[in-house]
Each structure stands twice: as structure tokens, then as C-alpha cells.
Amino acid sequence: TEGYTIIGVEQTAKSFDLTEYCFPE
């Protein structure tokens, strides 16, 4: 609700590769 993107460090079927992920502020 405060505008944070909740990012899990986990290997899942839909997880993003760290080298391709752009972190929100």
C-alpha cells in the first residue's frame, strides 16, 4: 500500500533472471 514492489529471492517457474531484472526505486 506504500508503493513497494515485493521481490522474492527464489527459483520459480516464472522467476526473472537477475541480469535482466530492473529494480523499482
PDBML (XML) file of the C-alpha atoms, coordinates in Angstrom:
<?xml version="1.0" encoding="UTF-8" ?>
<PDBx:datablock datablockName="MODEL"
   xmlns:PDBx="http://pdbml.pdb.org/schema/pdbx-v50.xsd"
   xmlns:xsi="http://www.w3.org/2001/XMLSchema-instance"
   xsi:schemaLocation="http://pdbml.pdb.org/schema/pdbx-v50.xsd pdbx-v50.xsd">
   <PDBx:atom_siteCategory>
      <PDBx:atom_site id="1">
         <PDBx:B_iso_or_equiv>0.00</PDBx:B_iso_or_equiv>
         <PDBx:Cartn_x>0.000</PDBx:Cartn_x>
         <PDBx:Cartn_y>0.000</PDBx:Cartn_y>
         <PDBx:Cartn_z>0.000</PDBx:Cartn_z>
         <PDBx:auth_asym_id>A</PDBx:auth_asym_id>
         <PDBx:auth_atom_id>CA</PDBx:auth_atom_id>
         <PDBx:auth_comp_id>THR</PDBx:auth_comp_id>
         <PDBx:auth_seq_id>1</PDBx:auth_seq_id>
         <PDBx:group_PDB>ATOM</PDBx:group_PDB>
         <PDBx:label_alt_id xsi:nil="true" />
         <PDBx:label_asym_id>A</PDBx:label_asym_id>
         <PDBx:label_atom_id>CA</PDBx:label_atom_id>
         <PDBx:label_comp_id>THR</PDBx:label_comp_id>
         <PDBx:label_entity_id>1</PDBx:label_entity_id>
         <PDBx:label_seq_id>1</PDBx:label_seq_id>
         <PDBx:occupancy>1.00</PDBx:occupancy>
         <PDBx:pdbx_PDB_model_num>1</PDBx:pdbx_PDB_model_num>
         <PDBx:type_symbol>C</PDBx:type_symbol>
      </PDBx:atom_site>
      <PDBx:atom_site id="2">
         <PDBx:B_iso_or_equiv>0.00</PDBx:B_iso_or_equiv>
         <PDBx:Cartn_x>3.039</PDBx:Cartn_x>
         <PDBx:Cartn_y>2.264</PDBx:Cartn_y>
         <PDBx:Cartn_z>0.461</PDBx:Cartn_z>
         <PDBx:auth_asym_id>A</PDBx:auth_asym_id>
         <PDBx:auth_atom_id>CA</PDBx:auth_atom_id>
         <PDBx:auth_comp_id>GLU</PDBx:auth_comp_id>
         <PDBx:auth_seq_id>2</PDBx:auth_seq_id>
         <PDBx:group_PDB>ATOM</PDBx:group_PDB>
         <PDBx:label_alt_id xsi:nil="true" />
         <PDBx:label_asym_id>A</PDBx:label_asym_id>
         <PDBx:label_atom_id>CA</PDBx:label_atom_id>
         <PDBx:label_comp_id>GLU</PDBx:label_comp_id>
         <PDBx:label_entity_id>1</PDBx:label_entity_id>
         <PDBx:label_seq_id>2</PDBx:label_seq_id>
         <PDBx:occupancy>1.00</PDBx:occupancy>
         <PDBx:pdbx_PDB_model_num>1</PDBx:pdbx_PDB_model_num>
         <PDBx:type_symbol>C</PDBx:type_symbol>
      </PDBx:atom_site>
      <PDBx:atom_site id="3">
         <PDBx:B_iso_or_equiv>0.00</PDBx:B_iso_or_equiv>
         <PDBx:Cartn_x>4.095</PDBx:Cartn_x>
         <PDBx:Cartn_y>1.622</PDBx:Cartn_y>
         <PDBx:Cartn_z>-3.133</PDBx:Cartn_z>
         <PDBx:auth_asym_id>A</PDBx:auth_asym_id>
         <PDBx:auth_atom_id>CA</PDBx:auth_atom_id>
         <PDBx:auth_comp_id>GLY</PDBx:auth_comp_id>
         <PDBx:auth_seq_id>3</PDBx:auth_seq_id>
         <PDBx:group_PDB>ATOM</PDBx:group_PDB>
         <PDBx:label_alt_id xsi:nil="true" />
         <PDBx:label_asym_id>A</PDBx:label_asym_id>
         <PDBx:label_atom_id>CA</PDBx:label_atom_id>
         <PDBx:label_comp_id>GLY</PDBx:label_comp_id>
         <PDBx:label_entity_id>1</PDBx:label_entity_id>
         <PDBx:label_seq_id>3</PDBx:label_seq_id>
         <PDBx:occupancy>1.00</PDBx:occupancy>
         <PDBx:pdbx_PDB_model_num>1</PDBx:pdbx_PDB_model_num>
         <PDBx:type_symbol>C</PDBx:type_symbol>
      </PDBx:atom_site>
      <PDBx:atom_site id="4">
         <PDBx:B_iso_or_equiv>0.00</PDBx:B_iso_or_equiv>
         <PDBx:Cartn_x>6.771</PDBx:Cartn_x>
         <PDBx:Cartn_y>-1.015</PDBx:Cartn_y>
         <PDBx:Cartn_z>-2.614</PDBx:Cartn_z>
         <PDBx:auth_asym_id>A</PDBx:auth_asym_id>
         <PDBx:auth_atom_id>CA</PDBx:auth_atom_id>
         <PDBx:auth_comp_id>TYR</PDBx:auth_comp_id>
         <PDBx:auth_seq_id>4</PDBx:auth_seq_id>
         <PDBx:group_PDB>ATOM</PDBx:group_PDB>
         <PDBx:label_alt_id xsi:nil="true" />
         <PDBx:label_asym_id>A</PDBx:label_asym_id>
         <PDBx:label_atom_id>CA</PDBx:label_atom_id>
         <PDBx:label_comp_id>TYR</PDBx:label_comp_id>
         <PDBx:label_entity_id>1</PDBx:label_entity_id>
         <PDBx:label_seq_id>4</PDBx:label_seq_id>
         <PDBx:occupancy>1.00</PDBx:occupancy>
         <PDBx:pdbx_PDB_model_num>1</PDBx:pdbx_PDB_model_num>
         <PDBx:type_symbol>C</PDBx:type_symbol>
      </PDBx:atom_site>
      <PDBx:atom_site id="5">
         <PDBx:B_iso_or_equiv>0.00</PDBx:B_iso_or_equiv>
         <PDBx:Cartn_x>7.328</PDBx:Cartn_x>
         <PDBx:Cartn_y>-3.835</PDBx:Cartn_y>
         <PDBx:Cartn_z>-5.092</PDBx:Cartn_z>
         <PDBx:auth_asym_id>A</PDBx:auth_asym_id>
         <PDBx:auth_atom_id>CA</PDBx:auth_atom_id>
         <PDBx:auth_comp_id>THR</PDBx:auth_comp_id>
         <PDBx:auth_seq_id>5</PDBx:auth_seq_id>
         <PDBx:group_PDB>ATOM</PDBx:group_PDB>
         <PDBx:label_alt_id xsi:nil="true" />
         <PDBx:label_asym_id>A</PDBx:label_asym_id>
         <PDBx:label_atom_id>CA</PDBx:label_atom_id>
         <PDBx:label_comp_id>THR</PDBx:label_comp_id>
         <PDBx:label_entity_id>1</PDBx:label_entity_id>
         <PDBx:label_seq_id>5</PDBx:label_seq_id>
         <PDBx:occupancy>1.00</PDBx:occupancy>
         <PDBx:pdbx_PDB_model_num>1</PDBx:pdbx_PDB_model_num>
         <PDBx:type_symbol>C</PDBx:type_symbol>
      </PDBx:atom_site>
      <PDBx:atom_site id="6">
         <PDBx:B_iso_or_equiv>0.00</PDBx:B_iso_or_equiv>
         <PDBx:Cartn_x>7.661</PDBx:Cartn_x>
         <PDBx:Cartn_y>-7.095</PDBx:Cartn_y>
         <PDBx:Cartn_z>-3.146</PDBx:Cartn_z>
         <PDBx:auth_asym_id>A</PDBx:auth_asym_id>
         <PDBx:auth_atom_id>CA</PDBx:auth_atom_id>
         <PDBx:auth_comp_id>ILE</PDBx:auth_comp_id>
         <PDBx:auth_seq_id>6</PDBx:auth_seq_id>
         <PDBx:group_PDB>ATOM</PDBx:group_PDB>
         <PDBx:label_alt_id xsi:nil="true" />
         <PDBx:label_asym_id>A</PDBx:label_asym_id>
         <PDBx:label_atom_id>CA</PDBx:label_atom_id>
         <PDBx:label_comp_id>ILE</PDBx:label_comp_id>
         <PDBx:label_entity_id>1</PDBx:label_entity_id>
         <PDBx:label_seq_id>6</PDBx:label_seq_id>
         <PDBx:occupancy>1.00</PDBx:occupancy>
         <PDBx:pdbx_PDB_model_num>1</PDBx:pdbx_PDB_model_num>
         <PDBx:type_symbol>C</PDBx:type_symbol>
      </PDBx:atom_site>
      <PDBx:atom_site id="7">
         <PDBx:B_iso_or_equiv>0.00</PDBx:B_iso_or_equiv>
         <PDBx:Cartn_x>10.553</PDBx:Cartn_x>
         <PDBx:Cartn_y>-9.090</PDBx:Cartn_y>
         <PDBx:Cartn_z>-4.610</PDBx:Cartn_z>
         <PDBx:auth_asym_id>A</PDBx:auth_asym_id>
         <PDBx:auth_atom_id>CA</PDBx:auth_atom_id>
         <PDBx:auth_comp_id>ILE</PDBx:auth_comp_id>
         <PDBx:auth_seq_id>7</PDBx:auth_seq_id>
         <PDBx:group_PDB>ATOM</PDBx:group_PDB>
         <PDBx:label_alt_id xsi:nil="true" />
         <PDBx:label_asym_id>A</PDBx:label_asym_id>
         <PDBx:label_atom_id>CA</PDBx:label_atom_id>
         <PDBx:label_comp_id>ILE</PDBx:label_comp_id>
         <PDBx:label_entity_id>1</PDBx:label_entity_id>
         <PDBx:label_seq_id>7</PDBx:label_seq_id>
         <PDBx:occupancy>1.00</PDBx:occupancy>
         <PDBx:pdbx_PDB_model_num>1</PDBx:pdbx_PDB_model_num>
         <PDBx:type_symbol>C</PDBx:type_symbol>
      </PDBx:atom_site>
      <PDBx:atom_site id="8">
         <PDBx:B_iso_or_equiv>0.00</PDBx:B_iso_or_equiv>
         <PDBx:Cartn_x>11.286</PDBx:Cartn_x>
         <PDBx:Cartn_y>-12.661</PDBx:Cartn_y>
         <PDBx:Cartn_z>-3.582</PDBx:Cartn_z>
         <PDBx:auth_asym_id>A</PDBx:auth_asym_id>
         <PDBx:auth_atom_id>CA</PDBx:auth_atom_id>
         <PDBx:auth_comp_id>GLY</PDBx:auth_comp_id>
         <PDBx:auth_seq_id>8</PDBx:auth_seq_id>
         <PDBx:group_PDB>ATOM</PDBx:group_PDB>
         <PDBx:label_alt_id xsi:nil="true" />
         <PDBx:label_asym_id>A</PDBx:label_asym_id>
         <PDBx:label_atom_id>CA</PDBx:label_atom_id>
         <PDBx:label_comp_id>GLY</PDBx:label_comp_id>
         <PDBx:label_entity_id>1</PDBx:label_entity_id>
         <PDBx:label_seq_id>8</PDBx:label_seq_id>
         <PDBx:occupancy>1.00</PDBx:occupancy>
         <PDBx:pdbx_PDB_model_num>1</PDBx:pdbx_PDB_model_num>
         <PDBx:type_symbol>C</PDBx:type_symbol>
      </PDBx:atom_site>
      <PDBx:atom_site id="9">
         <PDBx:B_iso_or_equiv>0.00</PDBx:B_iso_or_equiv>
         <PDBx:Cartn_x>14.708</PDBx:Cartn_x>
         <PDBx:Cartn_y>-14.205</PDBx:Cartn_y>
         <PDBx:Cartn_z>-4.000</PDBx:Cartn_z>
         <PDBx:auth_asym_id>A</PDBx:auth_asym_id>
         <PDBx:auth_atom_id>CA</PDBx:auth_atom_id>
         <PDBx:auth_comp_id>VAL</PDBx:auth_comp_id>
         <PDBx:auth_seq_id>9</PDBx:auth_seq_id>
         <PDBx:group_PDB>ATOM</PDBx:group_PDB>
         <PDBx:label_alt_id xsi:nil="true" />
         <PDBx:label_asym_id>A</PDBx:label_asym_id>
         <PDBx:label_atom_id>CA</PDBx:label_atom_id>
         <PDBx:label_comp_id>VAL</PDBx:label_comp_id>
         <PDBx:label_entity_id>1</PDBx:label_entity_id>
         <PDBx:label_seq_id>9</PDBx:label_seq_id>
         <PDBx:occupancy>1.00</PDBx:occupancy>
         <PDBx:pdbx_PDB_model_num>1</PDBx:pdbx_PDB_model_num>
         <PDBx:type_symbol>C</PDBx:type_symbol>
      </PDBx:atom_site>
      <PDBx:atom_site id="10">
         <PDBx:B_iso_or_equiv>0.00</PDBx:B_iso_or_equiv>
         <PDBx:Cartn_x>13.557</PDBx:Cartn_x>
         <PDBx:Cartn_y>-17.604</PDBx:Cartn_y>
         <PDBx:Cartn_z>-5.206</PDBx:Cartn_z>
         <PDBx:auth_asym_id>A</PDBx:auth_asym_id>
         <PDBx:auth_atom_id>CA</PDBx:auth_atom_id>
         <PDBx:auth_comp_id>GLU</PDBx:auth_comp_id>
         <PDBx:auth_seq_id>10</PDBx:auth_seq_id>
         <PDBx:group_PDB>ATOM</PDBx:group_PDB>
         <PDBx:label_alt_id xsi:nil="true" />
         <PDBx:label_asym_id>A</PDBx:label_asym_id>
         <PDBx:label_atom_id>CA</PDBx:label_atom_id>
         <PDBx:label_comp_id>GLU</PDBx:label_comp_id>
         <PDBx:label_entity_id>1</PDBx:label_entity_id>
         <PDBx:label_seq_id>10</PDBx:label_seq_id>
         <PDBx:occupancy>1.00</PDBx:occupancy>
         <PDBx:pdbx_PDB_model_num>1</PDBx:pdbx_PDB_model_num>
         <PDBx:type_symbol>C</PDBx:type_symbol>
      </PDBx:atom_site>
      <PDBx:atom_site id="11">
         <PDBx:B_iso_or_equiv>0.00</PDBx:B_iso_or_equiv>
         <PDBx:Cartn_x>13.737</PDBx:Cartn_x>
         <PDBx:Cartn_y>-20.003</PDBx:Cartn_y>
         <PDBx:Cartn_z>-8.123</PDBx:Cartn_z>
         <PDBx:auth_asym_id>A</PDBx:auth_asym_id>
         <PDBx:auth_atom_id>CA</PDBx:auth_atom_id>
         <PDBx:auth_comp_id>GLN</PDBx:auth_comp_id>
         <PDBx:auth_seq_id>11</PDBx:auth_seq_id>
         <PDBx:group_PDB>ATOM</PDBx:group_PDB>
         <PDBx:label_alt_id xsi:nil="true" />
         <PDBx:label_asym_id>A</PDBx:label_asym_id>
         <PDBx:label_atom_id>CA</PDBx:label_atom_id>
         <PDBx:label_comp_id>GLN</PDBx:label_comp_id>
         <PDBx:label_entity_id>1</PDBx:label_entity_id>
         <PDBx:label_seq_id>11</PDBx:label_seq_id>
         <PDBx:occupancy>1.00</PDBx:occupancy>
         <PDBx:pdbx_PDB_model_num>1</PDBx:pdbx_PDB_model_num>
         <PDBx:type_symbol>C</PDBx:type_symbol>
      </PDBx:atom_site>
      <PDBx:atom_site id="12">
         <PDBx:B_iso_or_equiv>0.00</PDBx:B_iso_or_equiv>
         <PDBx:Cartn_x>10.226</PDBx:Cartn_x>
         <PDBx:Cartn_y>-20.448</PDBx:Cartn_y>
         <PDBx:Cartn_z>-9.524</PDBx:Cartn_z>
         <PDBx:auth_asym_id>A</PDBx:auth_asym_id>
         <PDBx:auth_atom_id>CA</PDBx:auth_atom_id>
         <PDBx:auth_comp_id>THR</PDBx:auth_comp_id>
         <PDBx:auth_seq_id>12</PDBx:auth_seq_id>
         <PDBx:group_PDB>ATOM</PDBx:group_PDB>
         <PDBx:label_alt_id xsi:nil="true" />
         <PDBx:label_asym_id>A</PDBx:label_asym_id>
         <PDBx:label_atom_id>CA</PDBx:label_atom_id>
         <PDBx:label_comp_id>THR</PDBx:label_comp_id>
         <PDBx:label_entity_id>1</PDBx:label_entity_id>
         <PDBx:label_seq_id>12</PDBx:label_seq_id>
         <PDBx:occupancy>1.00</PDBx:occupancy>
         <PDBx:pdbx_PDB_model_num>1</PDBx:pdbx_PDB_model_num>
         <PDBx:type_symbol>C</PDBx:type_symbol>
      </PDBx:atom_site>
      <PDBx:atom_site id="13">
         <PDBx:B_iso_or_equiv>0.00</PDBx:B_iso_or_equiv>
         <PDBx:Cartn_x>8.691</PDBx:Cartn_x>
         <PDBx:Cartn_y>-21.267</PDBx:Cartn_y>
         <PDBx:Cartn_z>-12.898</PDBx:Cartn_z>
         <PDBx:auth_asym_id>A</PDBx:auth_asym_id>
         <PDBx:auth_atom_id>CA</PDBx:auth_atom_id>
         <PDBx:auth_comp_id>ALA</PDBx:auth_comp_id>
         <PDBx:auth_seq_id>13</PDBx:auth_seq_id>
         <PDBx:group_PDB>ATOM</PDBx:group_PDB>
         <PDBx:label_alt_id xsi:nil="true" />
         <PDBx:label_asym_id>A</PDBx:label_asym_id>
         <PDBx:label_atom_id>CA</PDBx:label_atom_id>
         <PDBx:label_comp_id>ALA</PDBx:label_comp_id>
         <PDBx:label_entity_id>1</PDBx:label_entity_id>
         <PDBx:label_seq_id>13</PDBx:label_seq_id>
         <PDBx:occupancy>1.00</PDBx:occupancy>
         <PDBx:pdbx_PDB_model_num>1</PDBx:pdbx_PDB_model_num>
         <PDBx:type_symbol>C</PDBx:type_symbol>
      </PDBx:atom_site>
      <PDBx:atom_site id="14">
         <PDBx:B_iso_or_equiv>0.00</PDBx:B_iso_or_equiv>
         <PDBx:Cartn_x>8.077</PDBx:Cartn_x>
         <PDBx:Cartn_y>-17.548</PDBx:Cartn_y>
         <PDBx:Cartn_z>-13.519</PDBx:Cartn_z>
         <PDBx:auth_asym_id>A</PDBx:auth_asym_id>
         <PDBx:auth_atom_id>CA</PDBx:auth_atom_id>
         <PDBx:auth_comp_id>LYS</PDBx:auth_comp_id>
         <PDBx:auth_seq_id>14</PDBx:auth_seq_id>
         <PDBx:group_PDB>ATOM</PDBx:group_PDB>
         <PDBx:label_alt_id xsi:nil="true" />
         <PDBx:label_asym_id>A</PDBx:label_asym_id>
         <PDBx:label_atom_id>CA</PDBx:label_atom_id>
         <PDBx:label_comp_id>LYS</PDBx:label_comp_id>
         <PDBx:label_entity_id>1</PDBx:label_entity_id>
         <PDBx:label_seq_id>14</PDBx:label_seq_id>
         <PDBx:occupancy>1.00</PDBx:occupancy>
         <PDBx:pdbx_PDB_model_num>1</PDBx:pdbx_PDB_model_num>
         <PDBx:type_symbol>C</PDBx:type_symbol>
      </PDBx:atom_site>
      <PDBx:atom_site id="15">
         <PDBx:B_iso_or_equiv>0.00</PDBx:B_iso_or_equiv>
         <PDBx:Cartn_x>11.110</PDBx:Cartn_x>
         <PDBx:Cartn_y>-16.005</PDBx:Cartn_y>
         <PDBx:Cartn_z>-11.849</PDBx:Cartn_z>
         <PDBx:auth_asym_id>A</PDBx:auth_asym_id>
         <PDBx:auth_atom_id>CA</PDBx:auth_atom_id>
         <PDBx:auth_comp_id>SER</PDBx:auth_comp_id>
         <PDBx:auth_seq_id>15</PDBx:auth_seq_id>
         <PDBx:group_PDB>ATOM</PDBx:group_PDB>
         <PDBx:label_alt_id xsi:nil="true" />
         <PDBx:label_asym_id>A</PDBx:label_asym_id>
         <PDBx:label_atom_id>CA</PDBx:label_atom_id>
         <PDBx:label_comp_id>SER</PDBx:label_comp_id>
         <PDBx:label_entity_id>1</PDBx:label_entity_id>
         <PDBx:label_seq_id>15</PDBx:label_seq_id>
         <PDBx:occupancy>1.00</PDBx:occupancy>
         <PDBx:pdbx_PDB_model_num>1</PDBx:pdbx_PDB_model_num>
         <PDBx:type_symbol>C</PDBx:type_symbol>
      </PDBx:atom_site>
      <PDBx:atom_site id="16">
         <PDBx:B_iso_or_equiv>0.00</PDBx:B_iso_or_equiv>
         <PDBx:Cartn_x>13.151</PDBx:Cartn_x>
         <PDBx:Cartn_y>-13.314</PDBx:Cartn_y>
         <PDBx:Cartn_z>-13.618</PDBx:Cartn_z>
         <PDBx:auth_asym_id>A</PDBx:auth_asym_id>
         <PDBx:auth_atom_id>CA</PDBx:auth_atom_id>
         <PDBx:auth_comp_id>PHE</PDBx:auth_comp_id>
         <PDBx:auth_seq_id>16</PDBx:auth_seq_id>
         <PDBx:group_PDB>ATOM</PDBx:group_PDB>
         <PDBx:label_alt_id xsi:nil="true" />
         <PDBx:label_asym_id>A</PDBx:label_asym_id>
         <PDBx:label_atom_id>CA</PDBx:label_atom_id>
         <PDBx:label_comp_id>PHE</PDBx:label_comp_id>
         <PDBx:label_entity_id>1</PDBx:label_entity_id>
         <PDBx:label_seq_id>16</PDBx:label_seq_id>
         <PDBx:occupancy>1.00</PDBx:occupancy>
         <PDBx:pdbx_PDB_model_num>1</PDBx:pdbx_PDB_model_num>
         <PDBx:type_symbol>C</PDBx:type_symbol>
      </PDBx:atom_site>
      <PDBx:atom_site id="17">
         <PDBx:B_iso_or_equiv>0.00</PDBx:B_iso_or_equiv>
         <PDBx:Cartn_x>16.855</PDBx:Cartn_x>
         <PDBx:Cartn_y>-13.652</PDBx:Cartn_y>
         <PDBx:Cartn_z>-14.272</PDBx:Cartn_z>
         <PDBx:auth_asym_id>A</PDBx:auth_asym_id>
         <PDBx:auth_atom_id>CA</PDBx:auth_atom_id>
         <PDBx:auth_comp_id>ASP</PDBx:auth_comp_id>
         <PDBx:auth_seq_id>17</PDBx:auth_seq_id>
         <PDBx:group_PDB>ATOM</PDBx:group_PDB>
         <PDBx:label_alt_id xsi:nil="true" />
         <PDBx:label_asym_id>A</PDBx:label_asym_id>
         <PDBx:label_atom_id>CA</PDBx:label_atom_id>
         <PDBx:label_comp_id>ASP</PDBx:label_comp_id>
         <PDBx:label_entity_id>1</PDBx:label_entity_id>
         <PDBx:label_seq_id>17</PDBx:label_seq_id>
         <PDBx:occupancy>1.00</PDBx:occupancy>
         <PDBx:pdbx_PDB_model_num>1</PDBx:pdbx_PDB_model_num>
         <PDBx:type_symbol>C</PDBx:type_symbol>
      </PDBx:atom_site>
      <PDBx:atom_site id="18">
         <PDBx:B_iso_or_equiv>0.00</PDBx:B_iso_or_equiv>
         <PDBx:Cartn_x>18.731</PDBx:Cartn_x>
         <PDBx:Cartn_y>-11.146</PDBx:Cartn_y>
         <PDBx:Cartn_z>-12.090</PDBx:Cartn_z>
         <PDBx:auth_asym_id>A</PDBx:auth_asym_id>
         <PDBx:auth_atom_id>CA</PDBx:auth_atom_id>
         <PDBx:auth_comp_id>LEU</PDBx:auth_comp_id>
         <PDBx:auth_seq_id>18</PDBx:auth_seq_id>
         <PDBx:group_PDB>ATOM</PDBx:group_PDB>
         <PDBx:label_alt_id xsi:nil="true" />
         <PDBx:label_asym_id>A</PDBx:label_asym_id>
         <PDBx:label_atom_id>CA</PDBx:label_atom_id>
         <PDBx:label_comp_id>LEU</PDBx:label_comp_id>
         <PDBx:label_entity_id>1</PDBx:label_entity_id>
         <PDBx:label_seq_id>18</PDBx:label_seq_id>
         <PDBx:occupancy>1.00</PDBx:occupancy>
         <PDBx:pdbx_PDB_model_num>1</PDBx:pdbx_PDB_model_num>
         <PDBx:type_symbol>C</PDBx:type_symbol>
      </PDBx:atom_site>
      <PDBx:atom_site id="19">
         <PDBx:B_iso_or_equiv>0.00</PDBx:B_iso_or_equiv>
         <PDBx:Cartn_x>20.742</PDBx:Cartn_x>
         <PDBx:Cartn_y>-9.950</PDBx:Cartn_y>
         <PDBx:Cartn_z>-15.092</PDBx:Cartn_z>
         <PDBx:auth_asym_id>A</PDBx:auth_asym_id>
         <PDBx:auth_atom_id>CA</PDBx:auth_atom_id>
         <PDBx:auth_comp_id>THR</PDBx:auth_comp_id>
         <PDBx:auth_seq_id>19</PDBx:auth_seq_id>
         <PDBx:group_PDB>ATOM</PDBx:group_PDB>
         <PDBx:label_alt_id xsi:nil="true" />
         <PDBx:label_asym_id>A</PDBx:label_asym_id>
         <PDBx:label_atom_id>CA</PDBx:label_atom_id>
         <PDBx:label_comp_id>THR</PDBx:label_comp_id>
         <PDBx:label_entity_id>1</PDBx:label_entity_id>
         <PDBx:label_seq_id>19</PDBx:label_seq_id>
         <PDBx:occupancy>1.00</PDBx:occupancy>
         <PDBx:pdbx_PDB_model_num>1</PDBx:pdbx_PDB_model_num>
         <PDBx:type_symbol>C</PDBx:type_symbol>
      </PDBx:atom_site>
      <PDBx:atom_site id="20">
         <PDBx:B_iso_or_equiv>0.00</PDBx:B_iso_or_equiv>
         <PDBx:Cartn_x>17.506</PDBx:Cartn_x>
         <PDBx:Cartn_y>-8.922</PDBx:Cartn_y>
         <PDBx:Cartn_z>-16.847</PDBx:Cartn_z>
         <PDBx:auth_asym_id>A</PDBx:auth_asym_id>
         <PDBx:auth_atom_id>CA</PDBx:auth_atom_id>
         <PDBx:auth_comp_id>GLU</PDBx:auth_comp_id>
         <PDBx:auth_seq_id>20</PDBx:auth_seq_id>
         <PDBx:group_PDB>ATOM</PDBx:group_PDB>
         <PDBx:label_alt_id xsi:nil="true" />
         <PDBx:label_asym_id>A</PDBx:label_asym_id>
         <PDBx:label_atom_id>CA</PDBx:label_atom_id>
         <PDBx:label_comp_id>GLU</PDBx:label_comp_id>
         <PDBx:label_entity_id>1</PDBx:label_entity_id>
         <PDBx:label_seq_id>20</PDBx:label_seq_id>
         <PDBx:occupancy>1.00</PDBx:occupancy>
         <PDBx:pdbx_PDB_model_num>1</PDBx:pdbx_PDB_model_num>
         <PDBx:type_symbol>C</PDBx:type_symbol>
      </PDBx:atom_site>
      <PDBx:atom_site id="21">
         <PDBx:B_iso_or_equiv>0.00</PDBx:B_iso_or_equiv>
         <PDBx:Cartn_x>15.508</PDBx:Cartn_x>
         <PDBx:Cartn_y>-7.508</PDBx:Cartn_y>
         <PDBx:Cartn_z>-13.944</PDBx:Cartn_z>
         <PDBx:auth_asym_id>A</PDBx:auth_asym_id>
         <PDBx:auth_atom_id>CA</PDBx:auth_atom_id>
         <PDBx:auth_comp_id>TYR</PDBx:auth_comp_id>
         <PDBx:auth_seq_id>21</PDBx:auth_seq_id>
         <PDBx:group_PDB>ATOM</PDBx:group_PDB>
         <PDBx:label_alt_id xsi:nil="true" />
         <PDBx:label_asym_id>A</PDBx:label_asym_id>
         <PDBx:label_atom_id>CA</PDBx:label_atom_id>
         <PDBx:label_comp_id>TYR</PDBx:label_comp_id>
         <PDBx:label_entity_id>1</PDBx:label_entity_id>
         <PDBx:label_seq_id>21</PDBx:label_seq_id>
         <PDBx:occupancy>1.00</PDBx:occupancy>
         <PDBx:pdbx_PDB_model_num>1</PDBx:pdbx_PDB_model_num>
         <PDBx:type_symbol>C</PDBx:type_symbol>
      </PDBx:atom_site>
      <PDBx:atom_site id="22">
         <PDBx:B_iso_or_equiv>0.00</PDBx:B_iso_or_equiv>
         <PDBx:Cartn_x>15.137</PDBx:Cartn_x>
         <PDBx:Cartn_y>-3.758</PDBx:Cartn_y>
         <PDBx:Cartn_z>-13.435</PDBx:Cartn_z>
         <PDBx:auth_asym_id>A</PDBx:auth_asym_id>
         <PDBx:auth_atom_id>CA</PDBx:auth_atom_id>
         <PDBx:auth_comp_id>CYS</PDBx:auth_comp_id>
         <PDBx:auth_seq_id>22</PDBx:auth_seq_id>
         <PDBx:group_PDB>ATOM</PDBx:group_PDB>
         <PDBx:label_alt_id xsi:nil="true" />
         <PDBx:label_asym_id>A</PDBx:label_asym_id>
         <PDBx:label_atom_id>CA</PDBx:label_atom_id>
         <PDBx:label_comp_id>CYS</PDBx:label_comp_id>
         <PDBx:label_entity_id>1</PDBx:label_entity_id>
         <PDBx:label_seq_id>22</PDBx:label_seq_id>
         <PDBx:occupancy>1.00</PDBx:occupancy>
         <PDBx:pdbx_PDB_model_num>1</PDBx:pdbx_PDB_model_num>
         <PDBx:type_symbol>C</PDBx:type_symbol>
      </PDBx:atom_site>
      <PDBx:atom_site id="23">
         <PDBx:B_iso_or_equiv>0.00</PDBx:B_iso_or_equiv>
         <PDBx:Cartn_x>14.589</PDBx:Cartn_x>
         <PDBx:Cartn_y>-2.887</PDBx:Cartn_y>
         <PDBx:Cartn_z>-9.786</PDBx:Cartn_z>
         <PDBx:auth_asym_id>A</PDBx:auth_asym_id>
         <PDBx:auth_atom_id>CA</PDBx:auth_atom_id>
         <PDBx:auth_comp_id>PHE</PDBx:auth_comp_id>
         <PDBx:auth_seq_id>23</PDBx:auth_seq_id>
         <PDBx:group_PDB>ATOM</PDBx:group_PDB>
         <PDBx:label_alt_id xsi:nil="true" />
         <PDBx:label_asym_id>A</PDBx:label_asym_id>
         <PDBx:label_atom_id>CA</PDBx:label_atom_id>
         <PDBx:label_comp_id>PHE</PDBx:label_comp_id>
         <PDBx:label_entity_id>1</PDBx:label_entity_id>
         <PDBx:label_seq_id>23</PDBx:label_seq_id>
         <PDBx:occupancy>1.00</PDBx:occupancy>
         <PDBx:pdbx_PDB_model_num>1</PDBx:pdbx_PDB_model_num>
         <PDBx:type_symbol>C</PDBx:type_symbol>
      </PDBx:atom_site>
      <PDBx:atom_site id="24">
         <PDBx:B_iso_or_equiv>0.00</PDBx:B_iso_or_equiv>
         <PDBx:Cartn_x>11.923</PDBx:Cartn_x>
         <PDBx:Cartn_y>-0.279</PDBx:Cartn_y>
         <PDBx:Cartn_z>-8.976</PDBx:Cartn_z>
         <PDBx:auth_asym_id>A</PDBx:auth_asym_id>
         <PDBx:auth_atom_id>CA</PDBx:auth_atom_id>
         <PDBx:auth_comp_id>PRO</PDBx:auth_comp_id>
         <PDBx:auth_seq_id>24</PDBx:auth_seq_id>
         <PDBx:group_PDB>ATOM</PDBx:group_PDB>
         <PDBx:label_alt_id xsi:nil="true" />
         <PDBx:label_asym_id>A</PDBx:label_asym_id>
         <PDBx:label_atom_id>CA</PDBx:label_atom_id>
         <PDBx:label_comp_id>PRO</PDBx:label_comp_id>
         <PDBx:label_entity_id>1</PDBx:label_entity_id>
         <PDBx:label_seq_id>24</PDBx:label_seq_id>
         <PDBx:occupancy>1.00</PDBx:occupancy>
         <PDBx:pdbx_PDB_model_num>1</PDBx:pdbx_PDB_model_num>
         <PDBx:type_symbol>C</PDBx:type_symbol>
      </PDBx:atom_site>
      <PDBx:atom_site id="25">
         <PDBx:B_iso_or_equiv>0.00</PDBx:B_iso_or_equiv>
         <PDBx:Cartn_x>13.122</PDBx:Cartn_x>
         <PDBx:Cartn_y>2.522</PDBx:Cartn_y>
         <PDBx:Cartn_z>-6.725</PDBx:Cartn_z>
         <PDBx:auth_asym_id>A</PDBx:auth_asym_id>
         <PDBx:auth_atom_id>CA</PDBx:auth_atom_id>
         <PDBx:auth_comp_id>GLU</PDBx:auth_comp_id>
         <PDBx:auth_seq_id>25</PDBx:auth_seq_id>
         <PDBx:group_PDB>ATOM</PDBx:group_PDB>
         <PDBx:label_alt_id xsi:nil="true" />
         <PDBx:label_asym_id>A</PDBx:label_asym_id>
         <PDBx:label_atom_id>CA</PDBx:label_atom_id>
         <PDBx:label_comp_id>GLU</PDBx:label_comp_id>
         <PDBx:label_entity_id>1</PDBx:label_entity_id>
         <PDBx:label_seq_id>25</PDBx:label_seq_id>
         <PDBx:occupancy>1.00</PDBx:occupancy>
         <PDBx:pdbx_PDB_model_num>1</PDBx:pdbx_PDB_model_num>
         <PDBx:type_symbol>C</PDBx:type_symbol>
      </PDBx:atom_site>
   </PDBx:atom_siteCategory>
</PDBx:datablock>
